[in-house]
Amino acid sequence: MDIRQLQYFTEVAKRLSFTKAAAYLHVSQPSLSKAIKHLEEELDVPLFYRSSKQLQLTDAGKAVLTNTKQVLDSFYQLTTELSDIMNLEKGVIKIGIPPIIGAAFFSSLITQFKERYPGVDLRLTEVGSNRIQQRIEDGSLDVGFICNIPHQKDHFEMLKFLEDPLVLVAHNDHPLSKRQDIGVSELEHERMVFYHSDFSLHDSIIEECLKNGFYPQVVCESSQKDFMLEMIAAKLGVGLLPSQVANEIPKPTLTTVPLTGDPIKLNLGVIWKKNVYQSFAARAFIETSEKCFHEPLG
């Protein structure tokens, strides 16, 4: 049994004529009769009384017609919905966003996408880059913005569109706030306010400190940059934050100092799982991201 057979049966039942139904369907009458005969054989019941005077539905035919209408309605609804998705009129995209960047950074992208594809439902999850990679890997997110290049590059596709060096953030009373610049090695004896381990920058900073011969003295870990800034302002310790985040610090009591040498960088990009089907809506979101943030960096 297939949809075509059910469509043919419905038209014959509606017109009670093989000739009229064949003309309406633009098929030959023998082909139509053959399709109906196959349907009766599959169901093992006669669907029509065939007499010389008039074609009539059997009781079984009436029951099949009632249910066939429901099947065809569901089929037409499905094909329409699939067409909508193909045309990006509908769809759902599950997106991971790191809280360290903040919603303001993505507001222009979200606005542009919703204006172009108002029927697509965007479901945003605020979580660290490491968790974003895990969730894309297990399929619970479609795309995600991350703050560093994934270690498992073979598992992901990525568009990188921002490199932002980290800077030292310290209270104005701290001796390091008076410096023009500072090397990572000079932070060995400093208490540090850190990103939570969910964040890839957490690992990047520790890795850089180890390269300089020490493990950082972490006195606080947080997933919220505002909380980190509050702790630095309370003189709990110093922190390393992306320059674009640090440049927007509203607190006059805090100072930023550039890092010397090859500073640690936030490499912001959008990633998605490699070698799996991406919905039309997800691909459109990736394309909109690339256009919004201009050309990706090499």
C-alpha atoms as a PDB file:
ATOM      1  CA  MET A   1       0.000   0.000   0.000  1.00  0.00           C
ATOM      2  CA  ASP A   2       1.280   3.465  -0.856  1.00  0.00           C
ATOM      3  CA  ILE A   3       0.037   7.056  -0.916  1.00  0.00           C
ATOM      4  CA  ARG A   4      -0.603   6.924  -4.638  1.00  0.00           C
ATOM      5  CA  GLN A   5      -3.020   4.001  -4.235  1.00  0.00           C
ATOM      6  CA  LEU A   6      -4.880   5.855  -1.477  1.00  0.00           C
ATOM      7  CA  GLN A   7      -5.103   9.001  -3.616  1.00  0.00           C
ATOM      8  CA  TYR A   8      -6.479   6.983  -6.512  1.00  0.00           C
ATOM      9  CA  PHE A   9      -9.016   5.221  -4.279  1.00  0.00           C
ATOM     10  CA  THR A  10     -10.204   8.532  -2.810  1.00  0.00           C
ATOM     11  CA  GLU A  11     -10.831  10.057  -6.237  1.00  0.00           C
ATOM     12  CA  VAL A  12     -12.747   7.014  -7.464  1.00  0.00           C
ATOM     13  CA  ALA A  13     -14.828   6.971  -4.261  1.00  0.00           C
ATOM     14  CA  LYS A  14     -15.526  10.688  -4.569  1.00  0.00           C
ATOM     15  CA  ARG A  15     -16.751  10.420  -8.189  1.00  0.00           C
ATOM     16  CA  LEU A  16     -17.979   6.797  -8.111  1.00  0.00           C
ATOM     17  CA  SER A  17     -16.529   6.514 -11.580  1.00  0.00           C
ATOM     18  CA  PHE A  18     -13.236   5.095 -12.799  1.00  0.00           C
ATOM     19  CA  THR A  19     -13.527   7.104 -16.015  1.00  0.00           C
ATOM     20  CA  LYS A  20     -14.014  10.469 -14.287  1.00  0.00           C
ATOM     21  CA  ALA A  21     -11.331   9.752 -11.678  1.00  0.00           C
ATOM     22  CA  ALA A  22      -8.825   8.712 -14.349  1.00  0.00           C
ATOM     23  CA  ALA A  23      -9.477  11.929 -16.264  1.00  0.00           C
ATOM     24  CA  TYR A  24      -9.056  14.018 -13.113  1.00  0.00           C
ATOM     25  CA  LEU A  25      -5.837  12.223 -12.138  1.00  0.00           C
ATOM     26  CA  HIS A  26      -4.457  12.279 -15.713  1.00  0.00           C
ATOM     27  CA  VAL A  27      -3.833   8.521 -15.695  1.00  0.00           C
ATOM     28  CA  SER A  28      -5.178   5.793 -17.932  1.00  0.00           C
ATOM     29  CA  GLN A  29      -8.277   3.953 -16.749  1.00  0.00           C
ATOM     30  CA  PRO A  30      -6.542   0.540 -16.883  1.00  0.00           C
ATOM     31  CA  SER A  31      -3.726   1.853 -14.646  1.00  0.00           C
ATOM     32  CA  LEU A  32      -6.235   3.256 -12.187  1.00  0.00           C
ATOM     33  CA  SER A  33      -8.259   0.025 -12.119  1.00  0.00           C
ATOM     34  CA  LYS A  34      -5.065  -1.989 -11.594  1.00  0.00           C
ATOM     35  CA  ALA A  35      -4.014   0.221  -8.640  1.00  0.00           C
ATOM     36  CA  ILE A  36      -7.425  -0.159  -6.966  1.00  0.00           C
ATOM     37  CA  LYS A  37      -7.377  -3.922  -7.556  1.00  0.00           C
ATOM     38  CA  HIS A  38      -3.947  -4.167  -5.882  1.00  0.00           C
ATOM     39  CA  LEU A  39      -5.255  -2.172  -2.915  1.00  0.00           C
ATOM     40  CA  GLU A  40      -8.228  -4.528  -2.537  1.00  0.00           C
ATOM     41  CA  GLU A  41      -5.895  -7.517  -2.680  1.00  0.00           C
ATOM     42  CA  GLU A  42      -3.616  -6.040  -0.013  1.00  0.00           C
ATOM     43  CA  LEU A  43      -6.566  -5.283   2.275  1.00  0.00           C
ATOM     44  CA  ASP A  44      -8.273  -8.570   1.342  1.00  0.00           C
ATOM     45  CA  VAL A  45     -11.662  -6.873   1.007  1.00  0.00           C
ATOM     46  CA  PRO A  46     -13.699  -5.532  -1.925  1.00  0.00           C
ATOM     47  CA  LEU A  47     -13.932  -1.746  -1.833  1.00  0.00           C
ATOM     48  CA  PHE A  48     -16.538  -1.265  -4.582  1.00  0.00           C
ATOM     49  CA  TYR A  49     -19.645  -2.980  -5.867  1.00  0.00           C
ATOM     50  CA  ARG A  50     -19.023  -3.118  -9.590  1.00  0.00           C
ATOM     51  CA  SER A  51     -22.314  -3.330 -11.494  1.00  0.00           C
ATOM     52  CA  SER A  52     -23.368  -2.310 -14.968  1.00  0.00           C
ATOM     53  CA  LYS A  53     -25.495   0.508 -13.585  1.00  0.00           C
ATOM     54  CA  GLN A  54     -23.405   2.318 -10.962  1.00  0.00           C
ATOM     55  CA  LEU A  55     -20.218   1.970  -8.908  1.00  0.00           C
ATOM     56  CA  GLN A  56     -20.840   1.874  -5.167  1.00  0.00           C
ATOM     57  CA  LEU A  57     -18.681   1.683  -2.059  1.00  0.00           C
ATOM     58  CA  THR A  58     -18.904  -1.419   0.064  1.00  0.00           C
ATOM     59  CA  ASP A  59     -19.104  -1.121   3.851  1.00  0.00           C
ATOM     60  CA  ALA A  60     -15.386  -1.922   3.901  1.00  0.00           C
ATOM     61  CA  GLY A  61     -14.835   0.748   1.240  1.00  0.00           C
ATOM     62  CA  LYS A  62     -16.638   3.327   3.377  1.00  0.00           C
ATOM     63  CA  ALA A  63     -14.465   2.471   6.386  1.00  0.00           C
ATOM     64  CA  VAL A  64     -11.314   2.663   4.279  1.00  0.00           C
ATOM     65  CA  LEU A  65     -12.402   6.015   2.832  1.00  0.00           C
ATOM     66  CA  THR A  66     -12.896   7.522   6.311  1.00  0.00           C
ATOM     67  CA  ASN A  67      -9.420   6.464   7.422  1.00  0.00           C
ATOM     68  CA  THR A  68      -7.834   7.285   4.076  1.00  0.00           C
ATOM     69  CA  LYS A  69      -8.907  10.900   4.427  1.00  0.00           C
ATOM     70  CA  GLN A  70      -7.073  11.097   7.765  1.00  0.00           C
ATOM     71  CA  VAL A  71      -3.953   9.493   6.270  1.00  0.00           C
ATOM     72  CA  LEU A  72      -3.955  11.840   3.278  1.00  0.00           C
ATOM     73  CA  ASP A  73      -4.562  14.889   5.495  1.00  0.00           C
ATOM     74  CA  SER A  74      -1.560  13.889   7.631  1.00  0.00           C
ATOM     75  CA  PHE A  75       0.519  13.274   4.532  1.00  0.00           C
ATOM     76  CA  TYR A  76      -0.343  16.672   3.019  1.00  0.00           C
ATOM     77  CA  GLN A  77       0.401  18.347   6.358  1.00  0.00           C
ATOM     78  CA  LEU A  78       3.769  16.576   6.524  1.00  0.00           C
ATOM     79  CA  THR A  79       4.738  17.540   2.983  1.00  0.00           C
ATOM     80  CA  THR A  80       3.689  21.142   3.604  1.00  0.00           C
ATOM     81  CA  GLU A  81       5.706  21.266   6.824  1.00  0.00           C
ATOM     82  CA  LEU A  82       8.739  19.772   5.094  1.00  0.00           C
ATOM     83  CA  SER A  83       8.360  22.353   2.352  1.00  0.00           C
ATOM     84  CA  ASP A  84       8.246  25.094   4.977  1.00  0.00           C
ATOM     85  CA  ILE A  85      11.438  23.763   6.552  1.00  0.00           C
ATOM     86  CA  MET A  86      13.116  23.532   3.138  1.00  0.00           C
ATOM     87  CA  ASN A  87      12.176  27.155   2.568  1.00  0.00           C
ATOM     88  CA  LEU A  88      13.293  28.128   6.090  1.00  0.00           C
ATOM     89  CA  GLU A  89       9.782  29.197   7.061  1.00  0.00           C
ATOM     90  CA  LYS A  90       9.973  26.898  10.077  1.00  0.00           C
ATOM     91  CA  GLY A  91      12.579  24.995  12.028  1.00  0.00           C
ATOM     92  CA  VAL A  92      14.423  24.905  15.334  1.00  0.00           C
ATOM     93  CA  ILE A  93      18.108  25.648  15.965  1.00  0.00           C
ATOM     94  CA  LYS A  94      19.701  24.813  19.314  1.00  0.00           C
ATOM     95  CA  ILE A  95      22.596  27.215  19.919  1.00  0.00           C
ATOM     96  CA  GLY A  96      25.226  27.340  22.650  1.00  0.00           C
ATOM     97  CA  ILE A  97      26.571  30.745  23.732  1.00  0.00           C
ATOM     98  CA  PRO A  98      29.423  31.287  26.232  1.00  0.00           C
ATOM     99  CA  PRO A  99      28.387  33.664  29.041  1.00  0.00           C
ATOM    100  CA  ILE A 100      31.843  35.251  29.101  1.00  0.00           C
ATOM    101  CA  ILE A 101      31.026  37.085  25.869  1.00  0.00           C
ATOM    102  CA  GLY A 102      27.576  38.242  26.873  1.00  0.00           C
ATOM    103  CA  ALA A 103      24.301  38.544  24.995  1.00  0.00           C
ATOM    104  CA  ALA A 104      25.072  42.033  23.690  1.00  0.00           C
ATOM    105  CA  PHE A 105      27.786  40.634  21.418  1.00  0.00           C
ATOM    106  CA  PHE A 106      25.255  38.364  19.668  1.00  0.00           C
ATOM    107  CA  SER A 107      22.243  40.681  19.642  1.00  0.00           C
ATOM    108  CA  SER A 108      22.943  42.023  16.140  1.00  0.00           C
ATOM    109  CA  LEU A 109      23.298  38.494  14.745  1.00  0.00           C
ATOM    110  CA  ILE A 110      20.069  37.303  16.392  1.00  0.00           C
ATOM    111  CA  THR A 111      18.208  40.384  15.125  1.00  0.00           C
ATOM    112  CA  GLN A 112      19.442  39.908  11.554  1.00  0.00           C
ATOM    113  CA  PHE A 113      18.544  36.230  11.510  1.00  0.00           C
ATOM    114  CA  LYS A 114      15.052  36.684  12.996  1.00  0.00           C
ATOM    115  CA  GLU A 115      14.268  39.473  10.542  1.00  0.00           C
ATOM    116  CA  ARG A 116      15.151  37.198   7.638  1.00  0.00           C
ATOM    117  CA  TYR A 117      13.739  33.940   9.021  1.00  0.00           C
ATOM    118  CA  PRO A 118      10.973  34.891  11.488  1.00  0.00           C
ATOM    119  CA  GLY A 119       9.505  31.391  11.564  1.00  0.00           C
ATOM    120  CA  VAL A 120      12.687  29.700  12.782  1.00  0.00           C
ATOM    121  CA  ASP A 121      12.768  29.077  16.521  1.00  0.00           C
ATOM    122  CA  LEU A 122      16.151  29.877  18.120  1.00  0.00           C
ATOM    123  CA  ARG A 123      16.798  28.073  21.412  1.00  0.00           C
ATOM    124  CA  LEU A 124      19.797  29.592  23.183  1.00  0.00           C
ATOM    125  CA  THR A 125      21.749  27.897  25.959  1.00  0.00           C
ATOM    126  CA  GLU A 126      24.329  29.857  27.942  1.00  0.00           C
ATOM    127  CA  VAL A 127      27.185  27.512  28.826  1.00  0.00           C
ATOM    128  CA  GLY A 128      31.001  27.370  28.694  1.00  0.00           C
ATOM    129  CA  SER A 129      32.935  26.469  25.551  1.00  0.00           C
ATOM    130  CA  ASN A 130      33.989  23.033  26.798  1.00  0.00           C
ATOM    131  CA  ARG A 131      30.376  22.082  27.528  1.00  0.00           C
ATOM    132  CA  ILE A 132      29.306  23.499  24.167  1.00  0.00           C
ATOM    133  CA  GLN A 133      31.726  21.147  22.406  1.00  0.00           C
ATOM    134  CA  GLN A 134      30.412  18.198  24.420  1.00  0.00           C
ATOM    135  CA  ARG A 135      26.800  19.036  23.626  1.00  0.00           C
ATOM    136  CA  ILE A 136      27.467  19.462  19.919  1.00  0.00           C
ATOM    137  CA  GLU A 137      29.250  16.118  19.993  1.00  0.00           C
ATOM    138  CA  ASP A 138      26.253  14.373  21.607  1.00  0.00           C
ATOM    139  CA  GLY A 139      23.748  16.190  19.392  1.00  0.00           C
ATOM    140  CA  SER A 140      21.961  18.245  22.055  1.00  0.00           C
ATOM    141  CA  LEU A 141      23.184  21.446  20.352  1.00  0.00           C
ATOM    142  CA  ASP A 142      23.240  22.167  16.608  1.00  0.00           C
ATOM    143  CA  VAL A 143      25.792  24.965  16.602  1.00  0.00           C
ATOM    144  CA  GLY A 144      27.757  26.792  19.260  1.00  0.00           C
ATOM    145  CA  PHE A 145      30.002  29.776  19.772  1.00  0.00           C
ATOM    146  CA  ILE A 146      33.270  28.907  21.465  1.00  0.00           C
ATOM    147  CA  CYS A 147      36.215  30.891  22.757  1.00  0.00           C
ATOM    148  CA  ASN A 148      39.032  28.664  21.533  1.00  0.00           C
ATOM    149  CA  ILE A 149      39.795  26.219  18.736  1.00  0.00           C
ATOM    150  CA  PRO A 150      38.542  22.713  19.648  1.00  0.00           C
ATOM    151  CA  HIS A 151      41.194  20.149  20.559  1.00  0.00           C
ATOM    152  CA  GLN A 152      39.273  17.497  18.602  1.00  0.00           C
ATOM    153  CA  LYS A 153      39.395  19.338  15.289  1.00  0.00           C
ATOM    154  CA  ASP A 154      38.438  16.223  13.333  1.00  0.00           C
ATOM    155  CA  HIS A 155      35.036  16.197  15.060  1.00  0.00           C
ATOM    156  CA  PHE A 156      33.982  19.760  14.213  1.00  0.00           C
ATOM    157  CA  GLU A 157      33.678  22.290  11.431  1.00  0.00           C
ATOM    158  CA  MET A 158      34.528  25.841  12.500  1.00  0.00           C
ATOM    159  CA  LEU A 159      34.339  29.428  11.321  1.00  0.00           C
ATOM    160  CA  LYS A 160      36.683  31.668  13.293  1.00  0.00           C
ATOM    161  CA  PHE A 161      35.888  35.368  13.146  1.00  0.00           C
ATOM    162  CA  LEU A 162      37.602  37.042  16.095  1.00  0.00           C
ATOM    163  CA  GLU A 163      41.010  36.918  17.777  1.00  0.00           C
ATOM    164  CA  ASP A 164      41.075  38.956  20.958  1.00  0.00           C
ATOM    165  CA  PRO A 165      44.151  39.070  23.257  1.00  0.00           C
ATOM    166  CA  LEU A 166      43.662  38.734  26.983  1.00  0.00           C
ATOM    167  CA  VAL A 167      44.692  41.606  29.250  1.00  0.00           C
ATOM    168  CA  LEU A 168      45.377  41.823  32.957  1.00  0.00           C
ATOM    169  CA  VAL A 169      42.580  43.406  35.017  1.00  0.00           C
ATOM    170  CA  ALA A 170      43.568  44.724  38.454  1.00  0.00           C
ATOM    171  CA  HIS A 171      42.304  47.146  41.063  1.00  0.00           C
ATOM    172  CA  ASN A 172      43.752  50.637  40.773  1.00  0.00           C
ATOM    173  CA  ASP A 173      45.488  50.147  44.137  1.00  0.00           C
ATOM    174  CA  HIS A 174      47.336  47.059  42.923  1.00  0.00           C
ATOM    175  CA  PRO A 175      51.029  47.657  42.045  1.00  0.00           C
ATOM    176  CA  LEU A 176      50.609  45.950  38.642  1.00  0.00           C
ATOM    177  CA  SER A 177      47.964  48.478  37.614  1.00  0.00           C
ATOM    178  CA  LYS A 178      50.748  51.070  37.227  1.00  0.00           C
ATOM    179  CA  ARG A 179      52.599  49.013  34.601  1.00  0.00           C
ATOM    180  CA  GLN A 180      52.521  49.736  30.868  1.00  0.00           C
ATOM    181  CA  ASP A 181      52.556  46.010  30.142  1.00  0.00           C
ATOM    182  CA  ILE A 182      53.304  42.748  31.932  1.00  0.00           C
ATOM    183  CA  GLY A 183      54.504  39.216  31.171  1.00  0.00           C
ATOM    184  CA  VAL A 184      52.616  36.109  32.282  1.00  0.00           C
ATOM    185  CA  SER A 185      55.678  34.954  34.255  1.00  0.00           C
ATOM    186  CA  GLU A 186      55.256  37.962  36.558  1.00  0.00           C
ATOM    187  CA  LEU A 187      51.893  36.615  37.767  1.00  0.00           C
ATOM    188  CA  GLU A 188      53.452  33.654  39.590  1.00  0.00           C
ATOM    189  CA  HIS A 189      52.828  35.043  43.071  1.00  0.00           C
ATOM    190  CA  GLU A 190      49.529  36.772  42.295  1.00  0.00           C
ATOM    191  CA  ARG A 191      46.161  35.548  43.522  1.00  0.00           C
ATOM    192  CA  MET A 192      43.975  35.116  40.448  1.00  0.00           C
ATOM    193  CA  VAL A 193      40.258  35.247  39.704  1.00  0.00           C
ATOM    194  CA  PHE A 194      39.623  32.556  37.094  1.00  0.00           C
ATOM    195  CA  TYR A 195      37.059  31.340  34.641  1.00  0.00           C
ATOM    196  CA  HIS A 196      35.247  28.174  35.620  1.00  0.00           C
ATOM    197  CA  SER A 197      36.697  24.924  34.247  1.00  0.00           C
ATOM    198  CA  ASP A 198      33.777  24.710  31.787  1.00  0.00           C
ATOM    199  CA  PHE A 199      35.497  27.496  29.858  1.00  0.00           C
ATOM    200  CA  SER A 200      38.257  26.744  27.372  1.00  0.00           C
ATOM    201  CA  LEU A 201      40.051  29.942  28.469  1.00  0.00           C
ATOM    202  CA  HIS A 202      40.450  28.347  31.906  1.00  0.00           C
ATOM    203  CA  ASP A 203      42.649  25.654  30.339  1.00  0.00           C
ATOM    204  CA  SER A 204      44.445  28.116  28.051  1.00  0.00           C
ATOM    205  CA  ILE A 205      45.493  30.359  30.946  1.00  0.00           C
ATOM    206  CA  ILE A 206      46.700  27.435  33.057  1.00  0.00           C
ATOM    207  CA  GLU A 207      48.635  26.067  30.067  1.00  0.00           C
ATOM    208  CA  GLU A 208      50.344  29.430  29.539  1.00  0.00           C
ATOM    209  CA  CYS A 209      51.213  29.712  33.228  1.00  0.00           C
ATOM    210  CA  LEU A 210      52.753  26.226  33.176  1.00  0.00           C
ATOM    211  CA  LYS A 211      54.830  27.220  30.161  1.00  0.00           C
ATOM    212  CA  ASN A 212      56.187  30.036  32.312  1.00  0.00           C
ATOM    213  CA  GLY A 213      57.109  27.659  35.127  1.00  0.00           C
ATOM    214  CA  PHE A 214      54.283  27.991  37.647  1.00  0.00           C
ATOM    215  CA  TYR A 215      50.733  26.926  38.459  1.00  0.00           C
ATOM    216  CA  PRO A 216      48.419  29.901  39.105  1.00  0.00           C
ATOM    217  CA  GLN A 217      47.073  30.671  42.577  1.00  0.00           C
ATOM    218  CA  VAL A 218      43.349  30.439  41.828  1.00  0.00           C
ATOM    219  CA  VAL A 219      41.271  32.069  44.572  1.00  0.00           C
ATOM    220  CA  CYS A 220      37.953  32.197  42.724  1.00  0.00           C
ATOM    221  CA  GLU A 221      36.327  30.543  39.714  1.00  0.00           C
ATOM    222  CA  SER A 222      33.188  31.826  38.013  1.00  0.00           C
ATOM    223  CA  SER A 223      31.185  31.485  34.823  1.00  0.00           C
ATOM    224  CA  GLN A 224      30.014  35.116  35.003  1.00  0.00           C
ATOM    225  CA  LYS A 225      32.337  37.906  33.951  1.00  0.00           C
ATOM    226  CA  ASP A 226      30.425  40.452  36.049  1.00  0.00           C
ATOM    227  CA  PHE A 227      31.037  38.388  39.175  1.00  0.00           C
ATOM    228  CA  MET A 228      34.719  38.067  38.258  1.00  0.00           C
ATOM    229  CA  LEU A 229      34.978  41.840  37.900  1.00  0.00           C
ATOM    230  CA  GLU A 230      33.259  42.324  41.270  1.00  0.00           C
ATOM    231  CA  MET A 231      35.818  40.039  42.925  1.00  0.00           C
ATOM    232  CA  ILE A 232      38.709  41.885  41.268  1.00  0.00           C
ATOM    233  CA  ALA A 233      37.184  45.189  42.380  1.00  0.00           C
ATOM    234  CA  ALA A 234      36.964  43.754  45.904  1.00  0.00           C
ATOM    235  CA  LYS A 235      40.748  43.164  45.727  1.00  0.00           C
ATOM    236  CA  LEU A 236      40.405  39.399  45.966  1.00  0.00           C
ATOM    237  CA  GLY A 237      42.898  39.011  43.146  1.00  0.00           C
ATOM    238  CA  VAL A 238      43.729  39.930  39.538  1.00  0.00           C
ATOM    239  CA  GLY A 239      42.218  38.420  36.410  1.00  0.00           C
ATOM    240  CA  LEU A 240      42.873  37.850  32.716  1.00  0.00           C
ATOM    241  CA  LEU A 241      39.987  38.821  30.449  1.00  0.00           C
ATOM    242  CA  PRO A 242      39.558  39.403  26.691  1.00  0.00           C
ATOM    243  CA  SER A 243      40.369  42.997  25.782  1.00  0.00           C
ATOM    244  CA  GLN A 244      36.926  43.618  24.261  1.00  0.00           C
ATOM    245  CA  VAL A 245      35.312  42.550  27.524  1.00  0.00           C
ATOM    246  CA  ALA A 246      37.823  44.539  29.606  1.00  0.00           C
ATOM    247  CA  ASN A 247      37.332  47.673  27.504  1.00  0.00           C
ATOM    248  CA  GLU A 248      33.659  47.720  28.481  1.00  0.00           C
ATOM    249  CA  ILE A 249      34.339  47.552  32.221  1.00  0.00           C
ATOM    250  CA  PRO A 250      32.088  50.151  33.874  1.00  0.00           C
ATOM    251  CA  LYS A 251      34.075  50.270  37.141  1.00  0.00           C
ATOM    252  CA  PRO A 252      36.463  53.245  37.441  1.00  0.00           C
ATOM    253  CA  THR A 253      38.338  51.378  40.188  1.00  0.00           C
ATOM    254  CA  LEU A 254      39.733  48.821  37.715  1.00  0.00           C
ATOM    255  CA  THR A 255      42.680  49.109  35.308  1.00  0.00           C
ATOM    256  CA  THR A 256      43.651  46.955  32.311  1.00  0.00           C
ATOM    257  CA  VAL A 257      47.269  46.164  31.410  1.00  0.00           C
ATOM    258  CA  PRO A 258      48.347  44.508  28.110  1.00  0.00           C
ATOM    259  CA  LEU A 259      50.327  41.247  28.173  1.00  0.00           C
ATOM    260  CA  THR A 260      53.745  41.177  26.519  1.00  0.00           C
ATOM    261  CA  GLY A 261      55.067  38.623  24.065  1.00  0.00           C
ATOM    262  CA  ASP A 262      52.546  36.324  22.454  1.00  0.00           C
ATOM    263  CA  PRO A 263      49.511  36.939  24.652  1.00  0.00           C
ATOM    264  CA  ILE A 264      46.795  34.386  25.323  1.00  0.00           C
ATOM    265  CA  LYS A 265      43.959  34.944  22.883  1.00  0.00           C
ATOM    266  CA  LEU A 266      40.246  34.394  22.814  1.00  0.00           C
ATOM    267  CA  ASN A 267      39.534  32.840  19.410  1.00  0.00           C
ATOM    268  CA  LEU A 268      35.816  33.315  19.007  1.00  0.00           C
ATOM    269  CA  GLY A 269      34.127  31.198  16.379  1.00  0.00           C
ATOM    270  CA  VAL A 270      31.075  29.127  15.593  1.00  0.00           C
ATOM    271  CA  ILE A 271      31.341  25.332  15.417  1.00  0.00           C
ATOM    272  CA  TRP A 272      29.119  22.452  14.361  1.00  0.00           C
ATOM    273  CA  LYS A 273      29.573  18.705  14.139  1.00  0.00           C
ATOM    274  CA  LYS A 274      31.485  17.397  11.154  1.00  0.00           C
ATOM    275  CA  ASN A 275      30.090  14.788   8.762  1.00  0.00           C
ATOM    276  CA  VAL A 276      26.478  14.974   9.971  1.00  0.00           C
ATOM    277  CA  TYR A 277      23.392  16.407   8.298  1.00  0.00           C
ATOM    278  CA  GLN A 278      22.783  20.060   9.105  1.00  0.00           C
ATOM    279  CA  SER A 279      19.261  21.375   8.740  1.00  0.00           C
ATOM    280  CA  PHE A 280      18.597  24.157   6.270  1.00  0.00           C
ATOM    281  CA  ALA A 281      17.851  26.473   9.187  1.00  0.00           C
ATOM    282  CA  ALA A 282      21.154  25.633  10.918  1.00  0.00           C
ATOM    283  CA  ARG A 283      23.114  26.201   7.713  1.00  0.00           C
ATOM    284  CA  ALA A 284      21.363  29.524   7.216  1.00  0.00           C
ATOM    285  CA  PHE A 285      22.299  30.538  10.771  1.00  0.00           C
ATOM    286  CA  ILE A 286      25.957  29.678  10.126  1.00  0.00           C
ATOM    287  CA  GLU A 287      25.916  31.713   6.901  1.00  0.00           C
ATOM    288  CA  THR A 288      24.276  34.647   8.689  1.00  0.00           C
ATOM    289  CA  SER A 289      26.937  34.447  11.429  1.00  0.00           C
ATOM    290  CA  GLU A 290      29.691  34.640   8.837  1.00  0.00           C
ATOM    291  CA  LYS A 291      28.121  37.670   7.175  1.00  0.00           C
ATOM    292  CA  CYS A 292      27.381  39.398  10.479  1.00  0.00           C
ATOM    293  CA  PHE A 293      30.942  39.061  11.749  1.00  0.00           C
ATOM    294  CA  HIS A 294      32.421  39.671   8.271  1.00  0.00           C
ATOM    295  CA  GLU A 295      34.962  37.350   6.771  1.00  0.00           C
ATOM    296  CA  PRO A 296      36.270  34.607   9.080  1.00  0.00           C
ATOM    297  CA  LEU A 297      39.888  34.865  10.109  1.00  0.00           C
ATOM    298  CA  GLY A 298      42.264  32.339   8.593  1.00  0.00           C
END
